[in-house]
Amino acid sequence: MLGLLAAEGVAQVLARADVLLFVRGGISSRRGSALAGLACELPVIGYRSEETSFPVTEAGVVLVPLRDVEALGKALAGVLANDIWRKQLCERSRVVQQRHLSWEVISQSFLRLLANGTAR
C-alpha cells in the first residue's frame, strides 16, 4: 500500500506497472482510474458493462463479463504470461491516449465547443 499520493506520484507508480486491474464495476470512459491506466499506456483488464464503449474499446483493454472473477484472473494471467500480447495492448493504449485522451485533444474539443457556443 502506497497511501495517498500526489498526482505526479500516481503517474510515476502507474508508469512502472505491467498492467492495471480494474475491478470496481464495468470499465467506461467515465472511470478515471481506468482512463489513467490507458493514459499511462498500460493494458487494462476489467469488466465489460453497458457503459463500455469507444474509445475504451479501441484501447489495450481485456474485457470479461461483469463479476466473472475467474475470467478476470485468467485474463490477468494471460496478459502477464505473454509479453508480446502485453506490449501490443500497451501500444493500443498509447494510440488511444494520443488520439482521444491527451490534453491537447481535450483542449481542442473544448475550444470547438466554446467557438460553437459563442457563434449563436
PDB file of N, CA and C in Angstrom:
ATOM      1  N   MET A   1       0.836  -1.170   0.000  1.00  0.00           N
ATOM      2  CA  MET A   1       0.000   0.000   0.000  1.00  0.00           C
ATOM      3  C   MET A   1       0.884   1.237   0.000  1.00  0.00           C
ATOM      4  N   LEU A   2       0.578   2.145  -0.870  1.00  0.00           N
ATOM      5  CA  LEU A   2       1.363   3.359  -1.010  1.00  0.00           C
ATOM      6  C   LEU A   2       0.719   4.546  -0.317  1.00  0.00           C
ATOM      7  N   GLY A   3      -0.507   4.405   0.118  1.00  0.00           N
ATOM      8  CA  GLY A   3      -1.182   5.509   0.782  1.00  0.00           C
ATOM      9  C   GLY A   3      -1.637   6.561  -0.216  1.00  0.00           C
ATOM     10  N   LEU A   4      -1.875   7.753   0.281  1.00  0.00           N
ATOM     11  CA  LEU A   4      -2.329   8.863  -0.544  1.00  0.00           C
ATOM     12  C   LEU A   4      -1.143   9.443  -1.296  1.00  0.00           C
ATOM     13  N   LEU A   5      -1.255   9.546  -2.608  1.00  0.00           N
ATOM     14  CA  LEU A   5      -0.170  10.048  -3.449  1.00  0.00           C
ATOM     15  C   LEU A   5      -0.573  11.350  -4.121  1.00  0.00           C
ATOM     16  N   ALA A   6       0.421  12.198  -4.381  1.00  0.00           N
ATOM     17  CA  ALA A   6       0.199  13.386  -5.199  1.00  0.00           C
ATOM     18  C   ALA A   6      -0.046  12.922  -6.633  1.00  0.00           C
ATOM     19  N   ALA A   7      -0.655  13.770  -7.451  1.00  0.00           N
ATOM     20  CA  ALA A   7      -0.972  13.407  -8.831  1.00  0.00           C
ATOM     21  C   ALA A   7       0.261  12.925  -9.585  1.00  0.00           C
ATOM     22  N   GLU A   8       1.391  13.599  -9.414  1.00  0.00           N
ATOM     23  CA  GLU A   8       2.614  13.195 -10.105  1.00  0.00           C
ATOM     24  C   GLU A   8       3.046  11.797  -9.658  1.00  0.00           C
ATOM     25  N   GLY A   9       2.854  11.498  -8.400  1.00  0.00           N
ATOM     26  CA  GLY A   9       3.224  10.194  -7.862  1.00  0.00           C
ATOM     27  C   GLY A   9       2.385   9.074  -8.446  1.00  0.00           C
ATOM     28  N   VAL A  10       1.115   9.336  -8.693  1.00  0.00           N
ATOM     29  CA  VAL A  10       0.240   8.328  -9.272  1.00  0.00           C
ATOM     30  C   VAL A  10       0.737   7.954 -10.666  1.00  0.00           C
ATOM     31  N   ALA A  11       1.046   8.957 -11.469  1.00  0.00           N
ATOM     32  CA  ALA A  11       1.539   8.691 -12.826  1.00  0.00           C
ATOM     33  C   ALA A  11       2.849   7.913 -12.787  1.00  0.00           C
ATOM     34  N   GLN A  12       3.724   8.234 -11.850  1.00  0.00           N
ATOM     35  CA  GLN A  12       5.006   7.522 -11.745  1.00  0.00           C
ATOM     36  C   GLN A  12       4.795   6.065 -11.348  1.00  0.00           C
ATOM     37  N   VAL A  13       3.899   5.820 -10.408  1.00  0.00           N
ATOM     38  CA  VAL A  13       3.622   4.450  -9.981  1.00  0.00           C
ATOM     39  C   VAL A  13       3.000   3.657 -11.136  1.00  0.00           C
ATOM     40  N   LEU A  14       2.028   4.249 -11.818  1.00  0.00           N
ATOM     41  CA  LEU A  14       1.390   3.550 -12.933  1.00  0.00           C
ATOM     42  C   LEU A  14       2.388   3.268 -14.056  1.00  0.00           C
ATOM     43  N   ALA A  15       3.289   4.187 -14.303  1.00  0.00           N
ATOM     44  CA  ALA A  15       4.274   4.002 -15.374  1.00  0.00           C
ATOM     45  C   ALA A  15       5.191   2.806 -15.106  1.00  0.00           C
ATOM     46  N   ARG A  16       5.354   2.430 -13.863  1.00  0.00           N
ATOM     47  CA  ARG A  16       6.201   1.282 -13.518  1.00  0.00           C
ATOM     48  C   ARG A  16       5.431  -0.038 -13.505  1.00  0.00           C
ATOM     49  N   ALA A  17       4.129   0.027 -13.655  1.00  0.00           N
ATOM     50  CA  ALA A  17       3.295  -1.184 -13.584  1.00  0.00           C
ATOM     51  C   ALA A  17       3.303  -1.939 -14.913  1.00  0.00           C
ATOM     52  N   ASP A  18       2.963  -3.218 -14.855  1.00  0.00           N
ATOM     53  CA  ASP A  18       2.836  -4.044 -16.059  1.00  0.00           C
ATOM     54  C   ASP A  18       1.420  -4.029 -16.609  1.00  0.00           C
ATOM     55  N   VAL A  19       0.454  -3.822 -15.732  1.00  0.00           N
ATOM     56  CA  VAL A  19      -0.955  -3.885 -16.113  1.00  0.00           C
ATOM     57  C   VAL A  19      -1.777  -3.168 -15.046  1.00  0.00           C
ATOM     58  N   LEU A  20      -2.953  -2.681 -15.436  1.00  0.00           N
ATOM     59  CA  LEU A  20      -3.882  -2.120 -14.464  1.00  0.00           C
ATOM     60  C   LEU A  20      -5.087  -3.056 -14.401  1.00  0.00           C
ATOM     61  N   LEU A  21      -5.367  -3.543 -13.219  1.00  0.00           N
ATOM     62  CA  LEU A  21      -6.519  -4.417 -12.997  1.00  0.00           C
ATOM     63  C   LEU A  21      -7.643  -3.546 -12.443  1.00  0.00           C
ATOM     64  N   PHE A  22      -8.724  -3.437 -13.201  1.00  0.00           N
ATOM     65  CA  PHE A  22      -9.845  -2.585 -12.820  1.00  0.00           C
ATOM     66  C   PHE A  22     -11.002  -3.467 -12.403  1.00  0.00           C
ATOM     67  N   VAL A  23     -11.332  -3.449 -11.120  1.00  0.00           N
ATOM     68  CA  VAL A  23     -12.362  -4.363 -10.606  1.00  0.00           C
ATOM     69  C   VAL A  23     -13.560  -3.642  -9.998  1.00  0.00           C
ATOM     70  N   ARG A  24     -13.587  -2.334 -10.076  1.00  0.00           N
ATOM     71  CA  ARG A  24     -14.686  -1.575  -9.472  1.00  0.00           C
ATOM     72  C   ARG A  24     -15.780  -1.301 -10.492  1.00  0.00           C
ATOM     73  N   GLY A  25     -16.517  -2.338 -10.848  1.00  0.00           N
ATOM     74  CA  GLY A  25     -17.574  -2.191 -11.837  1.00  0.00           C
ATOM     75  C   GLY A  25     -17.023  -2.262 -13.246  1.00  0.00           C
ATOM     76  N   GLY A  26     -17.899  -1.955 -14.210  1.00  0.00           N
ATOM     77  CA  GLY A  26     -17.504  -2.006 -15.609  1.00  0.00           C
ATOM     78  C   GLY A  26     -16.641  -0.826 -16.009  1.00  0.00           C
ATOM     79  N   ILE A  27     -15.755  -1.075 -16.946  1.00  0.00           N
ATOM     80  CA  ILE A  27     -14.887  -0.015 -17.478  1.00  0.00           C
ATOM     81  C   ILE A  27     -15.709   0.871 -18.408  1.00  0.00           C
ATOM     82  N   SER A  28     -15.551   2.173 -18.257  1.00  0.00           N
ATOM     83  CA  SER A  28     -16.191   3.129 -19.162  1.00  0.00           C
ATOM     84  C   SER A  28     -15.314   4.366 -19.247  1.00  0.00           C
ATOM     85  N   SER A  29     -15.680   5.247 -20.151  1.00  0.00           N
ATOM     86  CA  SER A  29     -14.917   6.488 -20.302  1.00  0.00           C
ATOM     87  C   SER A  29     -15.167   7.452 -19.143  1.00  0.00           C
ATOM     88  N   ARG A  30     -16.051   7.088 -18.224  1.00  0.00           N
ATOM     89  CA  ARG A  30     -16.300   7.918 -17.039  1.00  0.00           C
ATOM     90  C   ARG A  30     -15.502   7.447 -15.830  1.00  0.00           C
ATOM     91  N   ARG A  31     -14.726   6.389 -15.977  1.00  0.00           N
ATOM     92  CA  ARG A  31     -13.956   5.818 -14.872  1.00  0.00           C
ATOM     93  C   ARG A  31     -12.531   6.350 -14.913  1.00  0.00           C
ATOM     94  N   GLY A  32     -12.251   7.293 -14.043  1.00  0.00           N
ATOM     95  CA  GLY A  32     -10.963   7.985 -14.053  1.00  0.00           C
ATOM     96  C   GLY A  32      -9.759   7.087 -13.881  1.00  0.00           C
ATOM     97  N   SER A  33      -9.846   6.103 -12.997  1.00  0.00           N
ATOM     98  CA  SER A  33      -8.669   5.263 -12.785  1.00  0.00           C
ATOM     99  C   SER A  33      -8.403   4.364 -13.988  1.00  0.00           C
ATOM    100  N   ALA A  34      -9.437   3.909 -14.674  1.00  0.00           N
ATOM    101  CA  ALA A  34      -9.230   3.124 -15.895  1.00  0.00           C
ATOM    102  C   ALA A  34      -8.595   3.996 -16.970  1.00  0.00           C
ATOM    103  N   LEU A  35      -9.076   5.229 -17.103  1.00  0.00           N
ATOM    104  CA  LEU A  35      -8.501   6.152 -18.082  1.00  0.00           C
ATOM    105  C   LEU A  35      -7.064   6.520 -17.720  1.00  0.00           C
ATOM    106  N   ALA A  36      -6.772   6.607 -16.438  1.00  0.00           N
ATOM    107  CA  ALA A  36      -5.390   6.882 -16.019  1.00  0.00           C
ATOM    108  C   ALA A  36      -4.467   5.761 -16.463  1.00  0.00           C
ATOM    109  N   GLY A  37      -4.922   4.530 -16.360  1.00  0.00           N
ATOM    110  CA  GLY A  37      -4.128   3.404 -16.843  1.00  0.00           C
ATOM    111  C   GLY A  37      -3.877   3.500 -18.333  1.00  0.00           C
ATOM    112  N   LEU A  38      -4.906   3.834 -19.099  1.00  0.00           N
ATOM    113  CA  LEU A  38      -4.746   3.994 -20.544  1.00  0.00           C
ATOM    114  C   LEU A  38      -3.815   5.149 -20.854  1.00  0.00           C
ATOM    115  N   ALA A  39      -3.960   6.253 -20.127  1.00  0.00           N
ATOM    116  CA  ALA A  39      -3.098   7.413 -20.350  1.00  0.00           C
ATOM    117  C   ALA A  39      -1.638   7.108 -20.050  1.00  0.00           C
ATOM    118  N   CYS A  40      -1.398   6.171 -19.155  1.00  0.00           N
ATOM    119  CA  CYS A  40      -0.029   5.745 -18.838  1.00  0.00           C
ATOM    120  C   CYS A  40       0.400   4.579 -19.728  1.00  0.00           C
ATOM    121  N   GLU A  41      -0.378   4.326 -20.769  1.00  0.00           N
ATOM    122  CA  GLU A  41      -0.065   3.326 -21.790  1.00  0.00           C
ATOM    123  C   GLU A  41       0.012   1.905 -21.244  1.00  0.00           C
ATOM    124  N   LEU A  42      -0.893   1.602 -20.319  1.00  0.00           N
ATOM    125  CA  LEU A  42      -0.945   0.274 -19.729  1.00  0.00           C
ATOM    126  C   LEU A  42      -2.048  -0.570 -20.361  1.00  0.00           C
ATOM    127  N   PRO A  43      -1.867  -1.877 -20.362  1.00  0.00           N
ATOM    128  CA  PRO A  43      -3.006  -2.736 -20.630  1.00  0.00           C
ATOM    129  C   PRO A  43      -3.940  -2.648 -19.423  1.00  0.00           C
ATOM    130  N   VAL A  44      -5.228  -2.634 -19.664  1.00  0.00           N
ATOM    131  CA  VAL A  44      -6.200  -2.568 -18.579  1.00  0.00           C
ATOM    132  C   VAL A  44      -7.092  -3.801 -18.689  1.00  0.00           C
ATOM    133  N   ILE A  45      -7.217  -4.517 -17.597  1.00  0.00           N
ATOM    134  CA  ILE A  45      -8.056  -5.701 -17.548  1.00  0.00           C
ATOM    135  C   ILE A  45      -9.213  -5.401 -16.610  1.00  0.00           C
ATOM    136  N   GLY A  46     -10.421  -5.642 -17.079  1.00  0.00           N
ATOM    137  CA  GLY A  46     -11.561  -5.342 -16.239  1.00  0.00           C
ATOM    138  C   GLY A  46     -12.849  -5.878 -16.807  1.00  0.00           C
ATOM    139  N   TYR A  47     -13.929  -5.458 -16.196  1.00  0.00           N
ATOM    140  CA  TYR A  47     -15.258  -5.936 -16.548  1.00  0.00           C
ATOM    141  C   TYR A  47     -15.893  -5.100 -17.657  1.00  0.00           C
ATOM    142  N   ARG A  48     -16.588  -5.782 -18.546  1.00  0.00           N
ATOM    143  CA  ARG A  48     -17.393  -5.117 -19.570  1.00  0.00           C
ATOM    144  C   ARG A  48     -18.748  -4.774 -18.932  1.00  0.00           C
ATOM    145  N   SER A  49     -19.287  -3.637 -19.301  1.00  0.00           N
ATOM    146  CA  SER A  49     -20.629  -3.264 -18.852  1.00  0.00           C
ATOM    147  C   SER A  49     -21.354  -2.559 -19.996  1.00  0.00           C
ATOM    148  N   GLU A  50     -22.578  -2.167 -19.752  1.00  0.00           N
ATOM    149  CA  GLU A  50     -23.339  -1.453 -20.779  1.00  0.00           C
ATOM    150  C   GLU A  50     -22.724  -0.091 -21.096  1.00  0.00           C
ATOM    151  N   GLU A  51     -21.874   0.425 -20.226  1.00  0.00           N
ATOM    152  CA  GLU A  51     -21.222   1.713 -20.461  1.00  0.00           C
ATOM    153  C   GLU A  51     -19.864   1.580 -21.150  1.00  0.00           C
ATOM    154  N   THR A  52     -19.402   0.372 -21.385  1.00  0.00           N
ATOM    155  CA  THR A  52     -18.107   0.174 -22.032  1.00  0.00           C
ATOM    156  C   THR A  52     -18.256   0.462 -23.523  1.00  0.00           C
ATOM    157  N   SER A  53     -17.586   1.510 -23.996  1.00  0.00           N
ATOM    158  CA  SER A  53     -17.745   1.919 -25.392  1.00  0.00           C
ATOM    159  C   SER A  53     -16.461   2.603 -25.885  1.00  0.00           C
ATOM    160  N   PHE A  54     -16.514   3.111 -27.088  1.00  0.00           N
ATOM    161  CA  PHE A  54     -15.427   3.847 -27.700  1.00  0.00           C
ATOM    162  C   PHE A  54     -15.103   5.079 -26.845  1.00  0.00           C
ATOM    163  N   PRO A  55     -13.871   5.462 -26.684  1.00  0.00           N
ATOM    164  CA  PRO A  55     -12.639   4.914 -27.225  1.00  0.00           C
ATOM    165  C   PRO A  55     -12.016   3.812 -26.361  1.00  0.00           C
ATOM    166  N   VAL A  56     -12.635   3.511 -25.231  1.00  0.00           N
ATOM    167  CA  VAL A  56     -12.081   2.485 -24.343  1.00  0.00           C
ATOM    168  C   VAL A  56     -11.942   1.156 -25.071  1.00  0.00           C
ATOM    169  N   THR A  57     -12.926   0.796 -25.865  1.00  0.00           N
ATOM    170  CA  THR A  57     -12.887  -0.491 -26.554  1.00  0.00           C
ATOM    171  C   THR A  57     -11.789  -0.571 -27.608  1.00  0.00           C
ATOM    172  N   GLU A  58     -11.260   0.569 -28.030  1.00  0.00           N
ATOM    173  CA  GLU A  58     -10.164   0.592 -29.000  1.00  0.00           C
ATOM    174  C   GLU A  58      -8.808   0.506 -28.320  1.00  0.00           C
ATOM    175  N   ALA A  59      -8.770   0.735 -27.032  1.00  0.00           N
ATOM    176  CA  ALA A  59      -7.510   0.762 -26.288  1.00  0.00           C
ATOM    177  C   ALA A  59      -7.059  -0.655 -25.946  1.00  0.00           C
ATOM    178  N   GLY A  60      -5.970  -0.741 -25.248  1.00  0.00           N
ATOM    179  CA  GLY A  60      -5.411  -2.027 -24.846  1.00  0.00           C
ATOM    180  C   GLY A  60      -6.121  -2.581 -23.635  1.00  0.00           C
ATOM    181  N   VAL A  61      -7.381  -2.913 -23.803  1.00  0.00           N
ATOM    182  CA  VAL A  61      -8.169  -3.453 -22.704  1.00  0.00           C
ATOM    183  C   VAL A  61      -8.522  -4.909 -22.984  1.00  0.00           C
ATOM    184  N   VAL A  62      -8.600  -5.674 -21.928  1.00  0.00           N
ATOM    185  CA  VAL A  62      -9.109  -7.041 -21.995  1.00  0.00           C
ATOM    186  C   VAL A  62     -10.341  -7.047 -21.113  1.00  0.00           C
ATOM    187  N   LEU A  63     -11.476  -7.293 -21.738  1.00  0.00           N
ATOM    188  CA  LEU A  63     -12.751  -7.210 -21.040  1.00  0.00           C
ATOM    189  C   LEU A  63     -13.322  -8.597 -20.797  1.00  0.00           C
ATOM    190  N   VAL A  64     -13.864  -8.772 -19.600  1.00  0.00           N
ATOM    191  CA  VAL A  64     -14.516 -10.032 -19.236  1.00  0.00           C
ATOM    192  C   VAL A  64     -15.917  -9.697 -18.735  1.00  0.00           C
ATOM    193  N   PRO A  65     -16.806 -10.696 -18.694  1.00  0.00           N
ATOM    194  CA  PRO A  65     -18.168 -10.442 -18.206  1.00  0.00           C
ATOM    195  C   PRO A  65     -18.157  -9.890 -16.770  1.00  0.00           C
ATOM    196  N   LEU A  66     -19.086  -8.999 -16.512  1.00  0.00           N
ATOM    197  CA  LEU A  66     -19.220  -8.365 -15.208  1.00  0.00           C
ATOM    198  C   LEU A  66     -19.316  -9.408 -14.100  1.00  0.00           C
ATOM    199  N   ARG A  67     -18.518  -9.236 -13.071  1.00  0.00           N
ATOM    200  CA  ARG A  67     -18.469 -10.070 -11.859  1.00  0.00           C
ATOM    201  C   ARG A  67     -17.937 -11.489 -12.088  1.00  0.00           C
ATOM    202  N   ASP A  68     -17.334 -11.756 -13.261  1.00  0.00           N
ATOM    203  CA  ASP A  68     -16.757 -13.076 -13.521  1.00  0.00           C
ATOM    204  C   ASP A  68     -15.301 -13.061 -13.057  1.00  0.00           C
ATOM    205  N   VAL A  69     -15.108 -13.346 -11.777  1.00  0.00           N
ATOM    206  CA  VAL A  69     -13.789 -13.268 -11.147  1.00  0.00           C
ATOM    207  C   VAL A  69     -12.821 -14.277 -11.770  1.00  0.00           C
ATOM    208  N   GLU A  70     -13.330 -15.443 -12.108  1.00  0.00           N
ATOM    209  CA  GLU A  70     -12.464 -16.465 -12.715  1.00  0.00           C
ATOM    210  C   GLU A  70     -11.924 -15.987 -14.066  1.00  0.00           C
ATOM    211  N   ALA A  71     -12.789 -15.416 -14.890  1.00  0.00           N
ATOM    212  CA  ALA A  71     -12.354 -14.890 -16.194  1.00  0.00           C
ATOM    213  C   ALA A  71     -11.375 -13.739 -16.006  1.00  0.00           C
ATOM    214  N   LEU A  72     -11.606 -12.916 -14.993  1.00  0.00           N
ATOM    215  CA  LEU A  72     -10.703 -11.803 -14.703  1.00  0.00           C
ATOM    216  C   LEU A  72      -9.304 -12.321 -14.372  1.00  0.00           C
ATOM    217  N   GLY A  73      -9.239 -13.342 -13.524  1.00  0.00           N
ATOM    218  CA  GLY A  73      -7.956 -13.934 -13.156  1.00  0.00           C
ATOM    219  C   GLY A  73      -7.246 -14.560 -14.345  1.00  0.00           C
ATOM    220  N   LYS A  74      -8.000 -15.243 -15.199  1.00  0.00           N
ATOM    221  CA  LYS A  74      -7.415 -15.854 -16.390  1.00  0.00           C
ATOM    222  C   LYS A  74      -6.894 -14.789 -17.350  1.00  0.00           C
ATOM    223  N   ALA A  75      -7.628 -13.705 -17.501  1.00  0.00           N
ATOM    224  CA  ALA A  75      -7.190 -12.621 -18.382  1.00  0.00           C
ATOM    225  C   ALA A  75      -5.905 -11.991 -17.847  1.00  0.00           C
ATOM    226  N   LEU A  76      -5.855 -11.753 -16.547  1.00  0.00           N
ATOM    227  CA  LEU A  76      -4.658 -11.173 -15.939  1.00  0.00           C
ATOM    228  C   LEU A  76      -3.459 -12.093 -16.133  1.00  0.00           C
ATOM    229  N   ALA A  77      -3.642 -13.364 -15.845  1.00  0.00           N
ATOM    230  CA  ALA A  77      -2.544 -14.325 -16.003  1.00  0.00           C
ATOM    231  C   ALA A  77      -2.097 -14.403 -17.460  1.00  0.00           C
ATOM    232  N   GLY A  78      -3.051 -14.369 -18.379  1.00  0.00           N
ATOM    233  CA  GLY A  78      -2.721 -14.437 -19.801  1.00  0.00           C
ATOM    234  C   GLY A  78      -1.893 -13.264 -20.275  1.00  0.00           C
ATOM    235  N   VAL A  79      -2.262 -12.075 -19.856  1.00  0.00           N
ATOM    236  CA  VAL A  79      -1.515 -10.879 -20.256  1.00  0.00           C
ATOM    237  C   VAL A  79      -0.119 -10.892 -19.641  1.00  0.00           C
ATOM    238  N   LEU A  80      -0.021 -11.244 -18.377  1.00  0.00           N
ATOM    239  CA  LEU A  80       1.282 -11.247 -17.713  1.00  0.00           C
ATOM    240  C   LEU A  80       2.201 -12.351 -18.235  1.00  0.00           C
ATOM    241  N   ALA A  81       1.629 -13.429 -18.736  1.00  0.00           N
ATOM    242  CA  ALA A  81       2.434 -14.543 -19.243  1.00  0.00           C
ATOM    243  C   ALA A  81       2.882 -14.353 -20.692  1.00  0.00           C
ATOM    244  N   ASN A  82       2.273 -13.407 -21.400  1.00  0.00           N
ATOM    245  CA  ASN A  82       2.562 -13.224 -22.821  1.00  0.00           C
ATOM    246  C   ASN A  82       3.053 -11.797 -23.057  1.00  0.00           C
ATOM    247  N   ASP A  83       4.369 -11.625 -23.045  1.00  0.00           N
ATOM    248  CA  ASP A  83       4.957 -10.291 -23.152  1.00  0.00           C
ATOM    249  C   ASP A  83       4.640  -9.621 -24.489  1.00  0.00           C
ATOM    250  N   ILE A  84       4.563 -10.403 -25.553  1.00  0.00           N
ATOM    251  CA  ILE A  84       4.243  -9.823 -26.869  1.00  0.00           C
ATOM    252  C   ILE A  84       2.834  -9.242 -26.854  1.00  0.00           C
ATOM    253  N   TRP A  85       1.875 -10.002 -26.335  1.00  0.00           N
ATOM    254  CA  TRP A  85       0.495  -9.517 -26.249  1.00  0.00           C
ATOM    255  C   TRP A  85       0.413  -8.295 -25.340  1.00  0.00           C
ATOM    256  N   ARG A  86       1.110  -8.339 -24.190  1.00  0.00           N
ATOM    257  CA  ARG A  86       1.106  -7.205 -23.270  1.00  0.00           C
ATOM    258  C   ARG A  86       1.620  -5.948 -23.966  1.00  0.00           C
ATOM    259  N   LYS A  87       2.688  -6.076 -24.738  1.00  0.00           N
ATOM    260  CA  LYS A  87       3.241  -4.915 -25.451  1.00  0.00           C
ATOM    261  C   LYS A  87       2.286  -4.415 -26.525  1.00  0.00           C
ATOM    262  N   GLN A  88       1.582  -5.320 -27.192  1.00  0.00           N
ATOM    263  CA  GLN A  88       0.577  -4.905 -28.172  1.00  0.00           C
ATOM    264  C   GLN A  88      -0.550  -4.118 -27.497  1.00  0.00           C
ATOM    265  N   LEU A  89      -0.973  -4.575 -26.341  1.00  0.00           N
ATOM    266  CA  LEU A  89      -2.007  -3.859 -25.586  1.00  0.00           C
ATOM    267  C   LEU A  89      -1.502  -2.488 -25.155  1.00  0.00           C
ATOM    268  N   CYS A  90      -0.252  -2.413 -24.716  1.00  0.00           N
ATOM    269  CA  CYS A  90       0.351  -1.120 -24.349  1.00  0.00           C
ATOM    270  C   CYS A  90       0.316  -0.163 -25.535  1.00  0.00           C
ATOM    271  N   GLU A  91       0.655  -0.666 -26.704  1.00  0.00           N
ATOM    272  CA  GLU A  91       0.663   0.168 -27.911  1.00  0.00           C
ATOM    273  C   GLU A  91      -0.747   0.666 -28.238  1.00  0.00           C
ATOM    274  N   ARG A  92      -1.738  -0.193 -28.115  1.00  0.00           N
ATOM    275  CA  ARG A  92      -3.116   0.234 -28.370  1.00  0.00           C
ATOM    276  C   ARG A  92      -3.545   1.317 -27.382  1.00  0.00           C
ATOM    277  N   SER A  93      -3.148   1.173 -26.122  1.00  0.00           N
ATOM    278  CA  SER A  93      -3.469   2.206 -25.128  1.00  0.00           C
ATOM    279  C   SER A  93      -2.758   3.511 -25.464  1.00  0.00           C
ATOM    280  N   ARG A  94      -1.517   3.418 -25.927  1.00  0.00           N
ATOM    281  CA  ARG A  94      -0.754   4.618 -26.296  1.00  0.00           C
ATOM    282  C   ARG A  94      -1.455   5.356 -27.430  1.00  0.00           C
ATOM    283  N   VAL A  95      -1.901   4.635 -28.438  1.00  0.00           N
ATOM    284  CA  VAL A  95      -2.569   5.253 -29.584  1.00  0.00           C
ATOM    285  C   VAL A  95      -3.867   5.937 -29.152  1.00  0.00           C
ATOM    286  N   VAL A  96      -4.664   5.266 -28.343  1.00  0.00           N
ATOM    287  CA  VAL A  96      -5.918   5.864 -27.861  1.00  0.00           C
ATOM    288  C   VAL A  96      -5.623   7.096 -27.012  1.00  0.00           C
ATOM    289  N   GLN A  97      -4.603   7.031 -26.177  1.00  0.00           N
ATOM    290  CA  GLN A  97      -4.242   8.185 -25.356  1.00  0.00           C
ATOM    291  C   GLN A  97      -3.896   9.373 -26.252  1.00  0.00           C
ATOM    292  N   GLN A  98      -3.087   9.145 -27.268  1.00  0.00           N
ATOM    293  CA  GLN A  98      -2.669  10.236 -28.148  1.00  0.00           C
ATOM    294  C   GLN A  98      -3.829  10.794 -28.969  1.00  0.00           C
ATOM    295  N   ARG A  99      -4.707   9.921 -29.462  1.00  0.00           N
ATOM    296  CA  ARG A  99      -5.785  10.356 -30.358  1.00  0.00           C
ATOM    297  C   ARG A  99      -7.022  10.890 -29.644  1.00  0.00           C
ATOM    298  N   HIS A 100      -7.261  10.428 -28.397  1.00  0.00           N
ATOM    299  CA  HIS A 100      -8.537  10.757 -27.756  1.00  0.00           C
ATOM    300  C   HIS A 100      -8.431  11.295 -26.339  1.00  0.00           C
ATOM    301  N   LEU A 101      -7.361  10.995 -25.613  1.00  0.00           N
ATOM    302  CA  LEU A 101      -7.301  11.324 -24.188  1.00  0.00           C
ATOM    303  C   LEU A 101      -6.218  12.338 -23.824  1.00  0.00           C
ATOM    304  N   SER A 102      -5.423  12.762 -24.787  1.00  0.00           N
ATOM    305  CA  SER A 102      -4.340  13.700 -24.465  1.00  0.00           C
ATOM    306  C   SER A 102      -4.923  15.077 -24.141  1.00  0.00           C
ATOM    307  N   TRP A 103      -4.186  15.854 -23.374  1.00  0.00           N
ATOM    308  CA  TRP A 103      -4.651  17.192 -23.022  1.00  0.00           C
ATOM    309  C   TRP A 103      -4.819  18.048 -24.272  1.00  0.00           C
ATOM    310  N   GLU A 104      -3.976  17.856 -25.265  1.00  0.00           N
ATOM    311  CA  GLU A 104      -4.102  18.634 -26.499  1.00  0.00           C
ATOM    312  C   GLU A 104      -5.432  18.341 -27.197  1.00  0.00           C
ATOM    313  N   VAL A 105      -5.779  17.084 -27.306  1.00  0.00           N
ATOM    314  CA  VAL A 105      -7.041  16.697 -27.949  1.00  0.00           C
ATOM    315  C   VAL A 105      -8.228  17.207 -27.134  1.00  0.00           C
ATOM    316  N   ILE A 106      -8.165  17.053 -25.831  1.00  0.00           N
ATOM    317  CA  ILE A 106      -9.258  17.515 -24.964  1.00  0.00           C
ATOM    318  C   ILE A 106      -9.419  19.027 -25.052  1.00  0.00           C
ATOM    319  N   SER A 107      -8.311  19.761 -25.027  1.00  0.00           N
ATOM    320  CA  SER A 107      -8.400  21.226 -25.095  1.00  0.00           C
ATOM    321  C   SER A 107      -8.953  21.676 -26.445  1.00  0.00           C
ATOM    322  N   GLN A 108      -8.575  21.002 -27.524  1.00  0.00           N
ATOM    323  CA  GLN A 108      -9.123  21.353 -28.847  1.00  0.00           C
ATOM    324  C   GLN A 108     -10.633  21.116 -28.886  1.00  0.00           C
ATOM    325  N   SER A 109     -11.095  20.055 -28.251  1.00  0.00           N
ATOM    326  CA  SER A 109     -12.537  19.791 -28.192  1.00  0.00           C
ATOM    327  C   SER A 109     -13.262  20.898 -27.443  1.00  0.00           C
ATOM    328  N   PHE A 110     -12.684  21.328 -26.319  1.00  0.00           N
ATOM    329  CA  PHE A 110     -13.293  22.432 -25.563  1.00  0.00           C
ATOM    330  C   PHE A 110     -13.307  23.714 -26.382  1.00  0.00           C
ATOM    331  N   LEU A 111     -12.230  23.990 -27.086  1.00  0.00           N
ATOM    332  CA  LEU A 111     -12.188  25.202 -27.910  1.00  0.00           C
ATOM    333  C   LEU A 111     -13.245  25.167 -29.005  1.00  0.00           C
ATOM    334  N   ARG A 112     -13.449  24.008 -29.621  1.00  0.00           N
ATOM    335  CA  ARG A 112     -14.502  23.876 -30.646  1.00  0.00           C
ATOM    336  C   ARG A 112     -15.876  24.111 -30.030  1.00  0.00           C
ATOM    337  N   LEU A 113     -16.106  23.542 -28.842  1.00  0.00           N
ATOM    338  CA  LEU A 113     -17.403  23.742 -28.175  1.00  0.00           C
ATOM    339  C   LEU A 113     -17.629  25.201 -27.840  1.00  0.00           C
ATOM    340  N   LEU A 114     -16.592  25.856 -27.321  1.00  0.00           N
ATOM    341  CA  LEU A 114     -16.721  27.275 -26.987  1.00  0.00           C
ATOM    342  C   LEU A 114     -16.957  28.121 -28.231  1.00  0.00           C
ATOM    343  N   ALA A 115     -16.270  27.800 -29.311  1.00  0.00           N
ATOM    344  CA  ALA A 115     -16.463  28.559 -30.566  1.00  0.00           C
ATOM    345  C   ALA A 115     -17.880  28.361 -31.082  1.00  0.00           C
ATOM    346  N   ASN A 116     -18.404  27.164 -30.991  1.00  0.00           N
ATOM    347  CA  ASN A 116     -19.767  26.905 -31.436  1.00  0.00           C
ATOM    348  C   ASN A 116     -20.788  27.609 -30.552  1.00  0.00           C
ATOM    349  N   GLY A 117     -20.506  27.688 -29.268  1.00  0.00           N
ATOM    350  CA  GLY A 117     -21.416  28.339 -28.329  1.00  0.00           C
ATOM    351  C   GLY A 117     -21.451  29.833 -28.488  1.00  0.00           C
ATOM    352  N   THR A 118     -20.346  30.459 -28.856  1.00  0.00           N
ATOM    353  CA  THR A 118     -20.307  31.912 -28.992  1.00  0.00           C
ATOM    354  C   THR A 118     -20.778  32.364 -30.357  1.00  0.00           C
ATOM    355  N   ALA A 119     -20.898  31.449 -31.317  1.00  0.00           N
ATOM    356  CA  ALA A 119     -21.325  31.826 -32.669  1.00  0.00           C
ATOM    357  C   ALA A 119     -22.828  31.991 -32.763  1.00  0.00           C
ATOM    358  N   ARG A 120     -23.548  31.616 -31.736  1.00  0.00           N
ATOM    359  CA  ARG A 120     -25.018  31.680 -31.785  1.00  0.00           C
ATOM    360  C   ARG A 120     -25.525  33.043 -31.562  1.00  0.00           C
TER     361      ARG A 120
END
